[in-house]
C-alpha atoms as a PDB file:
ATOM      1  CA  MET A   1      47.257 175.656 118.274  1.00  0.00           C
ATOM      2  CA  SER A   2      46.586 171.924 118.320  1.00  0.00           C
ATOM      3  CA  LYS A   3      45.041 170.184 121.303  1.00  0.00           C
ATOM      4  CA  ILE A   4      48.099 167.960 121.678  1.00  0.00           C
ATOM      5  CA  GLN A   5      50.311 171.028 121.772  1.00  0.00           C
ATOM      6  CA  ASN A   6      48.261 172.389 124.708  1.00  0.00           C
ATOM      7  CA  SER A   7      48.850 169.070 126.569  1.00  0.00           C
ATOM      8  CA  ILE A   8      52.566 169.176 125.806  1.00  0.00           C
ATOM      9  CA  GLU A   9      52.860 172.730 127.129  1.00  0.00           C
ATOM     10  CA  TYR A  10      50.934 171.852 130.257  1.00  0.00           C
ATOM     11  CA  ALA A  11      53.122 168.777 130.845  1.00  0.00           C
ATOM     12  CA  ALA A  12      56.222 170.897 130.440  1.00  0.00           C
ATOM     13  CA  GLN A  13      54.952 173.266 133.153  1.00  0.00           C
ATOM     14  CA  ILE A  14      54.372 170.597 135.762  1.00  0.00           C
ATOM     15  CA  ALA A  15      57.251 168.219 134.883  1.00  0.00           C
ATOM     16  CA  VAL A  16      59.795 168.856 137.629  1.00  0.00           C
ATOM     17  CA  ASP A  17      61.680 165.592 138.267  1.00  0.00           C
ATOM     18  CA  PRO A  18      64.683 164.313 136.343  1.00  0.00           C
ATOM     19  CA  PHE A  19      63.036 161.481 134.381  1.00  0.00           C
ATOM     20  CA  GLN A  20      59.953 163.579 133.653  1.00  0.00           C
ATOM     21  CA  LYS A  21      62.130 166.204 131.966  1.00  0.00           C
ATOM     22  CA  HIS A  22      64.285 163.541 130.288  1.00  0.00           C
ATOM     23  CA  ILE A  23      61.248 161.805 128.751  1.00  0.00           C
ATOM     24  CA  LEU A  24      59.582 165.094 127.782  1.00  0.00           C
ATOM     25  CA  GLN A  25      62.642 166.364 125.918  1.00  0.00           C
ATOM     26  CA  LYS A  26      63.791 163.072 124.410  1.00  0.00           C
ATOM     27  CA  GLU A  27      60.549 161.414 123.333  1.00  0.00           C
ATOM     28  CA  VAL A  28      57.845 164.091 123.253  1.00  0.00           C
ATOM     29  CA  LEU A  29      59.602 167.288 122.173  1.00  0.00           C
ATOM     30  CA  LYS A  30      62.316 165.253 120.387  1.00  0.00           C
ATOM     31  CA  ILE A  31      65.046 167.753 121.247  1.00  0.00           C
ATOM     32  CA  PRO A  32      68.559 167.088 122.649  1.00  0.00           C
ATOM     33  CA  VAL A  33      68.285 166.354 126.352  1.00  0.00           C
ATOM     34  CA  GLU A  34      69.831 169.197 128.391  1.00  0.00           C
ATOM     35  CA  THR A  35      73.145 168.329 129.972  1.00  0.00           C
ATOM     36  CA  GLU A  36      71.842 169.125 133.434  1.00  0.00           C
ATOM     37  CA  VAL A  37      68.847 166.782 132.929  1.00  0.00           C
ATOM     38  CA  ALA A  38      71.057 164.010 131.520  1.00  0.00           C
ATOM     39  CA  GLU A  39      73.304 164.216 134.555  1.00  0.00           C
ATOM     40  CA  SER A  40      70.462 164.421 137.055  1.00  0.00           C
ATOM     41  CA  ILE A  41      68.793 161.154 136.018  1.00  0.00           C
ATOM     42  CA  HIS A  42      71.870 159.181 137.146  1.00  0.00           C
ATOM     43  CA  ARG A  43      71.377 160.566 140.658  1.00  0.00           C
ATOM     44  CA  SER A  44      67.663 159.894 140.687  1.00  0.00           C
ATOM     45  CA  LYS A  45      65.798 157.340 142.775  1.00  0.00           C
ATOM     46  CA  TRP A  46      64.636 155.362 139.774  1.00  0.00           C
ATOM     47  CA  TYR A  47      68.070 155.026 138.204  1.00  0.00           C
ATOM     48  CA  ARG A  48      69.637 153.992 141.498  1.00  0.00           C
ATOM     49  CA  GLN A  49      66.989 151.290 141.977  1.00  0.00           C
ATOM     50  CA  LEU A  50      68.123 149.691 138.745  1.00  0.00           C
ATOM     51  CA  ALA A  51      71.850 150.222 139.098  1.00  0.00           C
ATOM     52  CA  ASP A  52      72.026 148.962 142.678  1.00  0.00           C
ATOM     53  CA  GLU A  53      70.559 145.560 141.738  1.00  0.00           C
ATOM     54  CA  GLN A  54      72.371 145.025 138.421  1.00  0.00           C
ATOM     55  CA  TRP A  55      74.872 142.128 138.457  1.00  0.00           C
ATOM     56  CA  GLU A  56      78.382 142.466 137.089  1.00  0.00           C
ATOM     57  CA  ASP A  57      77.432 140.464 133.968  1.00  0.00           C
ATOM     58  CA  GLY A  58      74.750 143.012 133.076  1.00  0.00           C
ATOM     59  CA  SER A  59      71.800 140.933 134.278  1.00  0.00           C
ATOM     60  CA  TRP A  60      69.486 141.112 137.294  1.00  0.00           C
ATOM     61  CA  GLY A  61      69.754 137.374 137.880  1.00  0.00           C
ATOM     62  CA  ARG A  62      67.385 135.091 136.054  1.00  0.00           C
ATOM     63  CA  PHE A  63      66.183 136.380 132.723  1.00  0.00           C
ATOM     64  CA  HIS A  64      62.545 135.414 132.280  1.00  0.00           C
ATOM     65  CA  SER A  65      61.372 133.435 135.307  1.00  0.00           C
ATOM     66  CA  MET A  66      61.647 134.442 138.967  1.00  0.00           C
ATOM     67  CA  ASP A  67      63.941 132.413 141.224  1.00  0.00           C
ATOM     68  CA  SER A  68      61.836 131.424 144.213  1.00  0.00           C
ATOM     69  CA  HIS A  69      64.938 130.499 146.262  1.00  0.00           C
ATOM     70  CA  ILE A  70      66.369 134.041 146.431  1.00  0.00           C
ATOM     71  CA  THR A  71      65.865 135.576 149.857  1.00  0.00           C
ATOM     72  CA  GLY A  72      65.628 139.270 150.646  1.00  0.00           C
ATOM     73  CA  LYS A  73      63.619 142.047 149.025  1.00  0.00           C
ATOM     74  CA  ARG A  74      64.424 142.856 145.393  1.00  0.00           C
ATOM     75  CA  LYS A  75      62.803 145.470 143.206  1.00  0.00           C
ATOM     76  CA  PHE A  76      63.533 143.517 140.035  1.00  0.00           C
ATOM     77  CA  VAL A  77      62.997 139.771 140.272  1.00  0.00           C
ATOM     78  CA  THR A  78      64.105 139.114 136.669  1.00  0.00           C
ATOM     79  CA  THR A  79      66.352 140.726 134.078  1.00  0.00           C
ATOM     80  CA  GLU A  80      63.325 141.246 131.821  1.00  0.00           C
ATOM     81  CA  ALA A  81      61.571 143.269 134.533  1.00  0.00           C
ATOM     82  CA  ALA A  82      64.601 145.564 134.710  1.00  0.00           C
ATOM     83  CA  LEU A  83      64.796 145.795 130.919  1.00  0.00           C
ATOM     84  CA  ARG A  84      61.172 146.880 130.702  1.00  0.00           C
ATOM     85  CA  ARG A  85      61.721 149.472 133.379  1.00  0.00           C
ATOM     86  CA  MET A  86      64.770 150.878 131.608  1.00  0.00           C
ATOM     87  CA  HIS A  87      62.831 151.071 128.369  1.00  0.00           C
ATOM     88  CA  GLU A  88      59.945 152.731 130.172  1.00  0.00           C
ATOM     89  CA  LEU A  89      62.388 155.380 131.493  1.00  0.00           C
ATOM     90  CA  ALA A  90      63.601 156.051 127.898  1.00  0.00           C
ATOM     91  CA  LEU A  91      67.087 154.848 128.696  1.00  0.00           C
ATOM     92  CA  THR A  92      69.075 153.767 125.650  1.00  0.00           C
ATOM     93  CA  LYS A  93      72.242 151.762 124.901  1.00  0.00           C
ATOM     94  CA  ASP A  94      74.175 155.030 125.180  1.00  0.00           C
ATOM     95  CA  ASP A  95      73.830 154.583 128.906  1.00  0.00           C
ATOM     96  CA  SER A  96      76.496 152.384 130.500  1.00  0.00           C
ATOM     97  CA  MET A  97      73.984 150.407 132.584  1.00  0.00           C
ATOM     98  CA  VAL A  98      71.865 149.624 129.551  1.00  0.00           C
ATOM     99  CA  LEU A  99      74.932 148.847 127.422  1.00  0.00           C
ATOM    100  CA  LYS A 100      76.003 146.087 129.832  1.00  0.00           C
ATOM    101  CA  SER A 101      72.593 144.521 129.395  1.00  0.00           C
ATOM    102  CA  VAL A 102      72.678 144.914 125.619  1.00  0.00           C
ATOM    103  CA  GLN A 103      76.052 143.181 125.473  1.00  0.00           C
ATOM    104  CA  LEU A 104      74.710 140.333 127.622  1.00  0.00           C
ATOM    105  CA  MET A 105      71.656 139.880 125.350  1.00  0.00           C
ATOM    106  CA  GLU A 106      73.998 139.798 122.366  1.00  0.00           C
ATOM    107  CA  ARG A 107      75.817 136.898 123.952  1.00  0.00           C
ATOM    108  CA  TYR A 108      72.488 135.159 124.660  1.00  0.00           C
ATOM    109  CA  VAL A 109      71.350 135.635 121.017  1.00  0.00           C
ATOM    110  CA  ARG A 110      74.677 134.415 119.613  1.00  0.00           C
ATOM    111  CA  GLY A 111      74.567 131.366 121.867  1.00  0.00           C
ATOM    112  CA  GLU A 112      77.728 132.314 123.764  1.00  0.00           C
ATOM    113  CA  GLU A 113      75.896 132.257 127.053  1.00  0.00           C
ATOM    114  CA  THR A 114      72.460 131.033 128.146  1.00  0.00           C
ATOM    115  CA  TRP A 115      70.008 132.070 130.823  1.00  0.00           C
ATOM    116  CA  SER A 116      70.359 130.851 134.390  1.00  0.00           C
ATOM    117  CA  ASP A 117      66.587 130.086 134.377  1.00  0.00           C
ATOM    118  CA  ASN A 118      65.456 126.480 134.767  1.00  0.00           C
ATOM    119  CA  VAL A 119      64.364 124.770 131.524  1.00  0.00           C
ATOM    120  CA  GLU A 120      60.561 124.483 131.303  1.00  0.00           C
ATOM    121  CA  LYS A 121      59.938 120.899 130.261  1.00  0.00           C
ATOM    122  CA  HIS A 122      56.691 120.240 128.423  1.00  0.00           C
ATOM    123  CA  HIS A 123      55.749 117.865 125.608  1.00  0.00           C
ATOM    124  CA  ASP A 124      59.237 117.836 124.060  1.00  0.00           C
ATOM    125  CA  ASN A 125      61.336 117.693 127.245  1.00  0.00           C
ATOM    126  CA  GLY A 126      62.173 121.381 127.058  1.00  0.00           C
ATOM    127  CA  LYS A 127      63.488 121.565 123.488  1.00  0.00           C
ATOM    128  CA  SER A 128      60.955 124.187 122.416  1.00  0.00           C
ATOM    129  CA  HIS A 129      61.738 126.259 125.514  1.00  0.00           C
ATOM    130  CA  LEU A 130      65.471 126.235 124.762  1.00  0.00           C
ATOM    131  CA  HIS A 131      64.708 127.089 121.125  1.00  0.00           C
ATOM    132  CA  SER A 132      62.463 130.016 122.053  1.00  0.00           C
ATOM    133  CA  ARG A 133      65.093 131.563 124.360  1.00  0.00           C
ATOM    134  CA  PHE A 134      66.951 132.906 121.356  1.00  0.00           C
ATOM    135  CA  PHE A 135      63.858 134.635 120.091  1.00  0.00           C
ATOM    136  CA  LEU A 136      62.894 136.067 123.485  1.00  0.00           C
ATOM    137  CA  SER A 137      66.415 137.397 123.942  1.00  0.00           C
ATOM    138  CA  ALA A 138      66.380 138.851 120.427  1.00  0.00           C
ATOM    139  CA  ALA A 139      62.983 140.530 121.048  1.00  0.00           C
ATOM    140  CA  ASP A 140      64.209 142.151 124.267  1.00  0.00           C
ATOM    141  CA  LEU A 141      67.422 143.234 122.553  1.00  0.00           C
ATOM    142  CA  SER A 142      65.408 144.815 119.730  1.00  0.00           C
ATOM    143  CA  GLN A 143      63.776 147.149 122.281  1.00  0.00           C
ATOM    144  CA  PHE A 144      67.128 148.884 122.680  1.00  0.00           C
ATOM    145  CA  ASP A 145      68.960 148.093 119.436  1.00  0.00           C
ATOM    146  CA  PRO A 146      66.508 147.051 116.682  1.00  0.00           C
ATOM    147  CA  LEU A 147      69.200 147.029 113.957  1.00  0.00           C
ATOM    148  CA  ASN A 148      71.682 144.898 115.887  1.00  0.00           C
ATOM    149  CA  PRO A 149      73.049 142.292 113.408  1.00  0.00           C
ATOM    150  CA  ALA A 150      72.721 139.494 115.974  1.00  0.00           C
ATOM    151  CA  ILE A 151      68.904 139.846 115.783  1.00  0.00           C
ATOM    152  CA  LEU A 152      68.550 139.549 112.015  1.00  0.00           C
ATOM    153  CA  PRO A 153      68.491 135.706 111.626  1.00  0.00           C
ATOM    154  CA  TYR A 154      65.771 135.404 114.257  1.00  0.00           C
ATOM    155  CA  ARG A 155      63.750 138.302 112.848  1.00  0.00           C
ATOM    156  CA  ASP A 156      63.894 136.683 109.375  1.00  0.00           C
ATOM    157  CA  ILE A 157      62.499 133.417 110.780  1.00  0.00           C
ATOM    158  CA  CYS A 158      59.665 135.297 112.501  1.00  0.00           C
ATOM    159  CA  VAL A 159      58.836 137.206 109.299  1.00  0.00           C
ATOM    160  CA  LYS A 160      58.728 133.990 107.216  1.00  0.00           C
ATOM    161  CA  GLN A 161      56.438 132.388 109.806  1.00  0.00           C
ATOM    162  CA  LEU A 162      54.136 135.424 109.678  1.00  0.00           C
ATOM    163  CA  GLU A 163      54.053 135.311 105.871  1.00  0.00           C
ATOM    164  CA  LYS A 164      52.890 131.676 106.004  1.00  0.00           C
ATOM    165  CA  ALA A 165      50.323 132.338 108.693  1.00  0.00           C
ATOM    166  CA  PHE A 166      48.886 135.380 106.883  1.00  0.00           C
ATOM    167  CA  ALA A 167      49.018 133.991 103.334  1.00  0.00           C
ATOM    168  CA  THR A 168      45.331 134.892 103.282  1.00  0.00           C
ATOM    169  CA  ASP A 169      43.551 137.751 105.080  1.00  0.00           C
ATOM    170  CA  ALA A 170      42.765 135.591 108.112  1.00  0.00           C
ATOM    171  CA  PHE A 171      45.388 134.257 110.512  1.00  0.00           C
ATOM    172  CA  ASP A 172      46.097 130.574 109.871  1.00  0.00           C
ATOM    173  CA  GLU A 173      46.736 129.189 113.353  1.00  0.00           C
ATOM    174  CA  LYS A 174      47.554 125.703 111.979  1.00  0.00           C
ATOM    175  CA  ALA A 175      50.290 127.054 109.673  1.00  0.00           C
ATOM    176  CA  TRP A 176      51.806 128.965 112.597  1.00  0.00           C
ATOM    177  CA  LEU A 177      51.649 125.898 114.845  1.00  0.00           C
ATOM    178  CA  ASN A 178      53.227 123.613 112.255  1.00  0.00           C
ATOM    179  CA  ASP A 179      56.300 125.826 112.099  1.00  0.00           C
ATOM    180  CA  ASN A 180      56.582 125.710 115.843  1.00  0.00           C
ATOM    181  CA  LEU A 181      56.178 121.906 115.972  1.00  0.00           C
ATOM    182  CA  ASP A 182      59.051 121.292 113.615  1.00  0.00           C
ATOM    183  CA  TYR A 183      61.220 124.067 115.106  1.00  0.00           C
ATOM    184  CA  THR A 184      61.397 126.054 111.897  1.00  0.00           C
ATOM    185  CA  GLY A 185      59.402 128.801 113.648  1.00  0.00           C
ATOM    186  CA  ILE A 186      59.968 130.724 116.850  1.00  0.00           C
ATOM    187  CA  CYS A 187      58.151 128.348 119.252  1.00  0.00           C
ATOM    188  CA  LEU A 188      56.122 131.248 120.589  1.00  0.00           C
ATOM    189  CA  GLU A 189      52.506 132.260 119.957  1.00  0.00           C
ATOM    190  CA  ALA A 190      51.821 134.981 117.424  1.00  0.00           C
ATOM    191  CA  TYR A 191      49.789 136.908 120.005  1.00  0.00           C
ATOM    192  CA  MET A 192      52.664 137.083 122.506  1.00  0.00           C
ATOM    193  CA  VAL A 193      54.420 140.425 122.871  1.00  0.00           C
ATOM    194  CA  TYR A 194      57.802 139.029 121.776  1.00  0.00           C
ATOM    195  CA  PRO A 195      57.095 138.565 118.029  1.00  0.00           C
ATOM    196  CA  LEU A 196      55.560 142.054 118.065  1.00  0.00           C
ATOM    197  CA  TRP A 197      58.756 143.547 119.547  1.00  0.00           C
ATOM    198  CA  LEU A 198      60.908 141.548 117.158  1.00  0.00           C
ATOM    199  CA  VAL A 199      59.414 142.981 113.972  1.00  0.00           C
ATOM    200  CA  GLN A 200      58.900 146.600 115.042  1.00  0.00           C
ATOM    201  CA  ASN A 201      61.066 149.625 114.397  1.00  0.00           C
ATOM    202  CA  THR A 202      62.394 148.119 111.161  1.00  0.00           C
ATOM    203  CA  ASP A 203      61.164 147.780 107.563  1.00  0.00           C
ATOM    204  CA  CYS A 204      61.122 143.979 107.699  1.00  0.00           C
ATOM    205  CA  LEU A 205      57.371 143.666 107.038  1.00  0.00           C
ATOM    206  CA  SER A 206      55.527 144.815 103.931  1.00  0.00           C
ATOM    207  CA  ASP A 207      52.636 147.177 104.619  1.00  0.00           C
ATOM    208  CA  GLU A 208      50.222 144.422 103.597  1.00  0.00           C
ATOM    209  CA  LEU A 209      51.629 141.883 106.045  1.00  0.00           C
ATOM    210  CA  GLN A 210      52.018 144.476 108.827  1.00  0.00           C
ATOM    211  CA  ARG A 211      48.387 145.535 108.375  1.00  0.00           C
ATOM    212  CA  LYS A 212      47.152 141.971 108.594  1.00  0.00           C
ATOM    213  CA  TYR A 213      49.220 141.252 111.689  1.00  0.00           C
ATOM    214  CA  LEU A 214      48.187 144.492 113.436  1.00  0.00           C
ATOM    215  CA  ASN A 215      44.537 143.922 112.605  1.00  0.00           C
ATOM    216  CA  TYR A 216      44.750 140.404 114.110  1.00  0.00           C
ATOM    217  CA  ILE A 217      46.387 141.691 117.330  1.00  0.00           C
ATOM    218  CA  TRP A 218      44.359 144.915 117.571  1.00  0.00           C
ATOM    219  CA  ASN A 219      41.061 143.054 117.620  1.00  0.00           C
ATOM    220  CA  ARG A 220      42.057 139.910 119.541  1.00  0.00           C
ATOM    221  CA  GLN A 221      39.571 139.634 122.382  1.00  0.00           C
ATOM    222  CA  LYS A 222      42.123 138.165 124.842  1.00  0.00           C
ATOM    223  CA  GLY A 223      44.674 140.871 124.155  1.00  0.00           C
ATOM    224  CA  ILE A 224      48.439 140.602 123.950  1.00  0.00           C
ATOM    225  CA  TYR A 225      49.891 137.736 125.992  1.00  0.00           C
ATOM    226  CA  TYR A 226      52.264 138.962 128.763  1.00  0.00           C
ATOM    227  CA  ILE A 227      50.779 142.470 128.471  1.00  0.00           C
ATOM    228  CA  SER A 228      46.964 142.614 128.515  1.00  0.00           C
ATOM    229  CA  HIS A 229      43.787 140.541 128.801  1.00  0.00           C
ATOM    230  CA  SER A 230      41.357 142.411 126.543  1.00  0.00           C
ATOM    231  CA  SER A 231      41.168 143.754 123.037  1.00  0.00           C
ATOM    232  CA  VAL A 232      43.370 146.720 122.208  1.00  0.00           C
ATOM    233  CA  SER A 233      40.490 148.197 120.229  1.00  0.00           C
ATOM    234  CA  GLN A 234      38.397 148.384 123.400  1.00  0.00           C
ATOM    235  CA  LYS A 235      38.846 151.977 124.617  1.00  0.00           C
ATOM    236  CA  LEU A 236      39.115 152.555 128.380  1.00  0.00           C
ATOM    237  CA  SER A 237      38.880 155.738 130.455  1.00  0.00           C
ATOM    238  CA  LEU A 238      41.278 157.117 133.063  1.00  0.00           C
ATOM    239  CA  GLU A 239      39.221 155.819 135.977  1.00  0.00           C
ATOM    240  CA  ASP A 240      39.039 152.235 134.686  1.00  0.00           C
ATOM    241  CA  LYS A 241      41.243 149.851 136.639  1.00  0.00           C
ATOM    242  CA  GLY A 242      42.534 148.434 133.364  1.00  0.00           C
ATOM    243  CA  PHE A 243      43.483 151.801 131.842  1.00  0.00           C
ATOM    244  CA  THR A 244      47.223 151.534 132.465  1.00  0.00           C
ATOM    245  CA  THR A 245      47.232 147.932 131.135  1.00  0.00           C
ATOM    246  CA  TRP A 246      45.535 149.198 127.980  1.00  0.00           C
ATOM    247  CA  LEU A 247      48.213 151.874 127.646  1.00  0.00           C
ATOM    248  CA  SER A 248      50.812 149.125 127.978  1.00  0.00           C
ATOM    249  CA  ALA A 249      49.187 147.321 125.024  1.00  0.00           C
ATOM    250  CA  LEU A 250      49.285 150.462 122.926  1.00  0.00           C
ATOM    251  CA  GLU A 251      52.947 151.013 123.864  1.00  0.00           C
ATOM    252  CA  ALA A 252      53.701 147.453 122.818  1.00  0.00           C
ATOM    253  CA  LEU A 253      52.429 148.229 119.294  1.00  0.00           C
ATOM    254  CA  SER A 254      53.684 151.812 118.965  1.00  0.00           C
ATOM    255  CA  GLY A 255      56.868 150.891 117.091  1.00  0.00           C
ATOM    256  CA  PHE A 256      54.968 149.714 113.980  1.00  0.00           C
ATOM    257  CA  SER A 257      55.029 152.179 111.082  1.00  0.00           C
ATOM    258  CA  LEU A 258      51.263 151.663 110.587  1.00  0.00           C
ATOM    259  CA  PHE A 259      50.482 152.209 114.261  1.00  0.00           C
ATOM    260  CA  GLY A 260      48.944 155.600 113.501  1.00  0.00           C
ATOM    261  CA  GLU A 261      46.633 154.057 110.925  1.00  0.00           C
ATOM    262  CA  PHE A 262      44.997 151.951 113.655  1.00  0.00           C
ATOM    263  CA  MET A 263      45.000 154.754 116.204  1.00  0.00           C
ATOM    264  CA  LYS A 264      43.376 157.389 114.009  1.00  0.00           C
ATOM    265  CA  ASP A 265      39.896 155.909 113.761  1.00  0.00           C
ATOM    266  CA  SER A 266      38.905 156.527 117.382  1.00  0.00           C
ATOM    267  CA  VAL A 267      41.668 155.761 119.925  1.00  0.00           C
ATOM    268  CA  TYR A 268      43.738 158.872 119.143  1.00  0.00           C
ATOM    269  CA  ASP A 269      40.811 161.248 119.671  1.00  0.00           C
ATOM    270  CA  HIS A 270      39.758 159.357 122.810  1.00  0.00           C
ATOM    271  CA  LEU A 271      43.228 159.793 124.381  1.00  0.00           C
ATOM    272  CA  ILE A 272      43.221 163.476 123.450  1.00  0.00           C
ATOM    273  CA  SER A 273      39.903 163.820 125.304  1.00  0.00           C
ATOM    274  CA  GLU A 274      41.273 161.920 128.314  1.00  0.00           C
ATOM    275  CA  MET A 275      44.278 164.241 128.508  1.00  0.00           C
ATOM    276  CA  GLU A 276      41.913 167.243 128.449  1.00  0.00           C
ATOM    277  CA  ARG A 277      39.901 165.719 131.276  1.00  0.00           C
ATOM    278  CA  LEU A 278      43.076 165.028 133.215  1.00  0.00           C
ATOM    279  CA  ILE A 279      44.174 168.671 132.904  1.00  0.00           C
ATOM    280  CA  LYS A 280      40.816 170.312 133.610  1.00  0.00           C
ATOM    281  CA  SER A 281      39.181 167.936 136.111  1.00  0.00           C
ATOM    282  CA  GLU A 282      39.965 166.137 139.353  1.00  0.00           C
ATOM    283  CA  ILE A 283      40.329 162.545 138.129  1.00  0.00           C
ATOM    284  CA  SER A 284      40.559 159.615 140.526  1.00  0.00           C
ATOM    285  CA  LEU A 285      43.255 157.514 138.883  1.00  0.00           C
ATOM    286  CA  PRO A 286      43.398 153.786 139.639  1.00  0.00           C
ATOM    287  CA  PRO A 287      46.060 152.430 142.051  1.00  0.00           C
ATOM    288  CA  ALA A 288      49.535 152.310 140.550  1.00  0.00           C
ATOM    289  CA  HIS A 289      52.217 149.657 140.556  1.00  0.00           C
ATOM    290  CA  PRO A 290      54.937 150.515 143.151  1.00  0.00           C
ATOM    291  CA  ILE A 291      57.643 150.832 140.497  1.00  0.00           C
ATOM    292  CA  THR A 292      56.377 150.829 136.910  1.00  0.00           C
ATOM    293  CA  GLY A 293      54.454 153.733 135.536  1.00  0.00           C
ATOM    294  CA  HIS A 294      56.374 156.205 137.683  1.00  0.00           C
ATOM    295  CA  TYR A 295      58.586 158.988 136.327  1.00  0.00           C
ATOM    296  CA  ALA A 296      58.122 161.441 139.231  1.00  0.00           C
ATOM    297  CA  GLU A 297      60.216 160.814 142.329  1.00  0.00           C
ATOM    298  CA  ASN A 298      57.396 161.363 144.822  1.00  0.00           C
ATOM    299  CA  TRP A 299      53.685 160.872 144.198  1.00  0.00           C
ATOM    300  CA  ARG A 300      52.648 162.807 147.243  1.00  0.00           C
ATOM    301  CA  ASP A 301      52.559 165.869 145.050  1.00  0.00           C
ATOM    302  CA  LYS A 302      49.066 165.979 143.527  1.00  0.00           C
ATOM    303  CA  ASN A 303      50.496 166.975 140.155  1.00  0.00           C
ATOM    304  CA  ALA A 304      52.989 164.081 140.046  1.00  0.00           C
ATOM    305  CA  ARG A 305      50.563 161.374 138.966  1.00  0.00           C
ATOM    306  CA  LYS A 306      48.860 163.772 136.592  1.00  0.00           C
ATOM    307  CA  SER A 307      52.098 164.734 134.878  1.00  0.00           C
ATOM    308  CA  ASP A 308      53.278 161.100 134.731  1.00  0.00           C
ATOM    309  CA  MET A 309      50.020 160.042 133.072  1.00  0.00           C
ATOM    310  CA  LEU A 310      50.108 162.931 130.626  1.00  0.00           C
ATOM    311  CA  LEU A 311      53.662 162.065 129.602  1.00  0.00           C
ATOM    312  CA  ARG A 312      52.819 158.422 129.169  1.00  0.00           C
ATOM    313  CA  ILE A 313      49.874 159.204 126.875  1.00  0.00           C
ATOM    314  CA  LEU A 314      51.901 161.790 124.945  1.00  0.00           C
ATOM    315  CA  ARG A 315      54.662 159.276 124.321  1.00  0.00           C
ATOM    316  CA  ILE A 316      52.106 157.081 122.581  1.00  0.00           C
ATOM    317  CA  LEU A 317      50.423 159.849 120.561  1.00  0.00           C
ATOM    318  CA  VAL A 318      53.630 161.288 119.138  1.00  0.00           C
ATOM    319  CA  LYS A 319      54.277 157.898 117.538  1.00  0.00           C
ATOM    320  CA  CYS A 320      51.200 158.147 115.370  1.00  0.00           C
ATOM    321  CA  LYS A 321      52.909 159.815 112.440  1.00  0.00           C
ATOM    322  CA  GLY A 322      52.304 156.814 110.196  1.00  0.00           C
ATOM    323  CA  GLY A 323      48.573 157.505 110.157  1.00  0.00           C
ATOM    324  CA  ASN A 324      48.956 161.301 110.130  1.00  0.00           C
ATOM    325  CA  CYS A 325      47.133 161.450 113.416  1.00  0.00           C
ATOM    326  CA  LEU A 326      48.921 164.594 114.512  1.00  0.00           C
ATOM    327  CA  GLU A 327      47.350 166.533 111.632  1.00  0.00           C
ATOM    328  CA  LYS A 328      43.864 165.729 112.913  1.00  0.00           C
ATOM    329  CA  THR A 329      44.196 167.942 115.988  1.00  0.00           C
ATOM    330  CA  ALA A 330      45.353 171.091 114.242  1.00  0.00           C
ATOM    331  CA  GLY A 331      43.114 174.098 114.707  1.00  0.00           C
END
C-alpha cells in the first residue's frame, strides 16, 4: 500500500466536519459527494459566513481593493477574498452562491458591468488599471469555469504575450513590458498569480512554453506576487511560519498539466514525509488565519488542525498525475 494511501485512510478516519468530508470525497478520493454531506455543507459555519455577506448582485462589495469607508465587521472585505475562500472550500459553479458570482464575473469580463473599486491612477492616469480589470476578472472566473467562452479572448492575449516573452529559454522582461506599455498585453506582471490562473486547467499552452513559464515561476526568488514572498522550490517544514504560504504557492500552480513534473524531483517526497510526521508526531503548527485554511468547524479538537493540514497537502499531491508522482510512492 502506498504511503499516500495511508495518509488518505488516516484523514478519512479523523475527518468529521461537513467541509472536511466534502473535500475528501470530491478532491482526494474523487468520488460522488454523498447526499448527506452535500446537504450538510450548506448548514455549516463556513458556508453561512460567505452566504450571509454576499450581495444580491453576487459580489461582496468591492472586487479587488478594500473599501476603507465601510463600517462594521466583515469577514470578507473584497469579492476576491470570498472567491478564494469558496475555491478553497471546493465549492463549484453548481452551487447557487458560486453561480451568482460566476454570472457577475461574466458581466465584468464582457464589459457589461465594472467594479465598484476606485481606479488606481499611475503613469497613464488609470488606463492600464482599467485595462487589467478584464484580465483579473477573467483569471478569477477561470478558477471556477476555465472553459467559459467569455475568458477565451483574454486568455489568448496572455498566451501570445507569454510566447513573445519566452521566445528563448530565458524570460524576456523587456518583451513582456513592451506589450503592457502599448496595451496589447494584459498590463499585469508575469509573476503575478493572475496570469498563472488564466492559463491553467486548459490546453492553451504547449508543453515547451508551459515548462519555460513554470521553471521561471518555480525558481523566482521573490515568489508569486499576491501569494508568496520566496521561491516555490524552497521546501519548508510544518513548523515553519511560512509553511502555509508555501502551500498556497503550490496550490496556485497545481492546475498546470506539468505540475507533477516539477513536484516529483523533491517536493512531492518532502510533503509525503511531512504528512507522516504529522500523523505520527506531535507537531506545533504555526498560527493560522482566522478564516482561510480552515475546513473543520472548531479547532479546539486537537485532531482538527491535523486533519485540515493533511487534507490540504493531499489536495496538492493528488494533482501530480502529470509527472507520475503517485507511482513513486507505491510499495
